[in-house]
């Protein structure tokens, strides 16, 4: 996964790590084990020229959010079974802590 490649480079070339995340990267966090929907959301963001990556490792939500915070990710999209069923996603601004329930189309408009 690209994010792990970037993280490994950060130990050698910190400026490249900063350069990548300076482009307002987004991290999608799957809250359950069904990754197909999460990956489809990531693909929609990428097709709209929005940097996006998915967190695929298992763990508590707090661990995943701490990971995003350490990377300097501005927005996190939380995706669980409820979000998948309703197509309303949870967008969290990591700088302000605000959370919004939005469709993927509204998320794209908001974070562009």
Foldseek 3Di string as FASTA:
>chain_A
DVVVVLVVCCVVPVVSLCVVCVQQAEEEEEPDQPCPVVVVLCVVCVVLVHHYDYDNDDDDPVVVLVVCVVSVHQKYWYDYPVCVVVQFIWIAGNVPRDIDTHHSVVVSVVRD
